[in-house]
Amino acid sequence: MNLKSNLSARGALGLCLLSVWAPAARAQLQTAGELLVDLNFTNLTPGDLPYIANGGSMGGGFEALGPASSIPSVRVTPQSGVKALY
């Protein structure tokens, strides 16, 4: 066995041993609390969207500024039928 394959075999063996001896990681579900900004496009009617209300705890909303060509619109995607902002 040459040096390169010997090092590869040692690395693989070390990785196997590490995976056996390492404690199992357990993730816990954590929530960040209430949302400050909550924009839900699924309830909107398709078309131009010059203003959208913020459903989050911060309240208020977002207004589109600029020329008419820069106003975003809500469209339904043809493949999945999901509403999205364009």
Protein backbone atom coordinates (compact mmCIF):
# COMPACT_ATOMS: atom_id res chain seq x y z
CA MET A 1 0.00 0.00 0.00
CA ASN A 2 1.42 3.39 -0.89
CA LEU A 3 1.52 6.43 1.41
CA LYS A 4 -1.47 8.18 -0.18
CA SER A 5 -3.84 5.23 0.17
CA ASN A 6 -2.54 4.57 3.69
CA LEU A 7 -3.44 8.15 4.72
CA SER A 8 -6.86 7.82 3.08
CA ALA A 9 -7.52 4.57 4.97
CA ARG A 10 -6.47 6.18 8.26
CA GLY A 11 -8.72 9.18 7.60
CA ALA A 12 -11.69 6.93 6.81
CA LEU A 13 -11.06 4.84 9.92
CA GLY A 14 -10.76 7.95 12.06
CA LEU A 15 -14.03 9.31 10.68
CA CYS A 16 -15.80 6.02 11.41
CA LEU A 17 -14.50 5.96 14.98
CA LEU A 18 -15.46 9.58 15.52
CA SER A 19 -19.00 8.94 14.33
CA VAL A 20 -19.33 6.03 16.75
CA TRP A 21 -17.96 7.87 19.78
CA ALA A 22 -19.46 11.30 19.15
CA PRO A 23 -22.60 11.97 21.17
CA ALA A 24 -25.80 12.18 19.17
CA ALA A 25 -26.80 15.77 18.45
CA ARG A 26 -30.40 16.52 19.26
CA ALA A 27 -32.04 19.60 17.85
CA GLN A 28 -34.82 21.32 19.71
CA LEU A 29 -37.56 23.29 18.02
CA GLN A 30 -37.19 26.94 18.92
CA THR A 31 -39.44 29.83 18.01
CA ALA A 32 -38.35 33.43 17.79
CA GLY A 33 -41.57 34.76 19.25
CA GLU A 34 -44.02 36.94 17.39
CA LEU A 35 -43.17 38.26 13.93
CA LEU A 36 -42.40 41.94 13.52
CA VAL A 37 -43.17 41.81 9.79
CA ASP A 38 -45.68 39.36 8.32
CA LEU A 39 -46.47 39.73 4.63
CA ASN A 40 -48.97 37.20 3.35
CA PHE A 41 -49.62 37.36 -0.39
CA THR A 42 -51.97 34.37 -0.49
CA ASN A 43 -54.95 36.46 0.66
CA LEU A 44 -54.44 39.22 -1.91
CA THR A 45 -56.30 39.71 -5.18
CA PRO A 46 -54.05 39.44 -8.25
CA GLY A 47 -53.15 42.84 -9.71
CA ASP A 48 -51.14 45.95 -8.84
CA LEU A 49 -50.06 46.30 -5.23
CA PRO A 50 -49.30 49.93 -4.36
CA TYR A 51 -49.65 49.22 -0.60
CA ILE A 52 -49.52 46.10 1.57
CA ALA A 53 -50.44 45.99 5.23
CA ASN A 54 -48.05 44.42 7.72
CA GLY A 55 -49.79 41.65 9.65
CA GLY A 56 -46.93 41.48 12.17
CA SER A 57 -46.70 43.02 15.62
CA MET A 58 -44.93 46.12 14.28
CA GLY A 59 -48.07 47.13 12.37
CA GLY A 60 -48.14 49.67 9.56
CA GLY A 61 -47.45 48.65 6.00
CA PHE A 62 -45.33 49.13 2.92
CA GLU A 63 -46.05 51.56 0.09
CA ALA A 64 -44.61 51.31 -3.42
CA LEU A 65 -43.03 54.62 -4.49
CA GLY A 66 -41.87 55.65 -7.92
CA PRO A 67 -43.28 55.48 -11.43
CA ALA A 68 -46.23 53.22 -12.24
CA SER A 69 -43.89 50.76 -13.97
CA SER A 70 -42.13 50.11 -10.65
CA ILE A 71 -45.28 49.19 -8.69
CA PRO A 72 -45.17 45.47 -7.87
CA SER A 73 -48.07 43.21 -8.71
CA VAL A 74 -49.50 40.02 -7.29
CA ARG A 75 -49.68 37.24 -9.89
CA VAL A 76 -50.67 33.60 -9.85
CA THR A 77 -47.88 31.31 -11.01
CA PRO A 78 -49.08 29.23 -13.97
CA GLN A 79 -47.43 25.96 -12.91
CA SER A 80 -48.54 25.72 -9.29
CA GLY A 81 -51.31 28.30 -8.95
CA VAL A 82 -49.49 29.97 -6.02
CA LYS A 83 -49.76 33.74 -5.61
CA ALA A 84 -46.46 35.61 -5.65
CA LEU A 85 -45.15 39.17 -5.77
CA TYR A 86 -43.59 40.30 -9.07
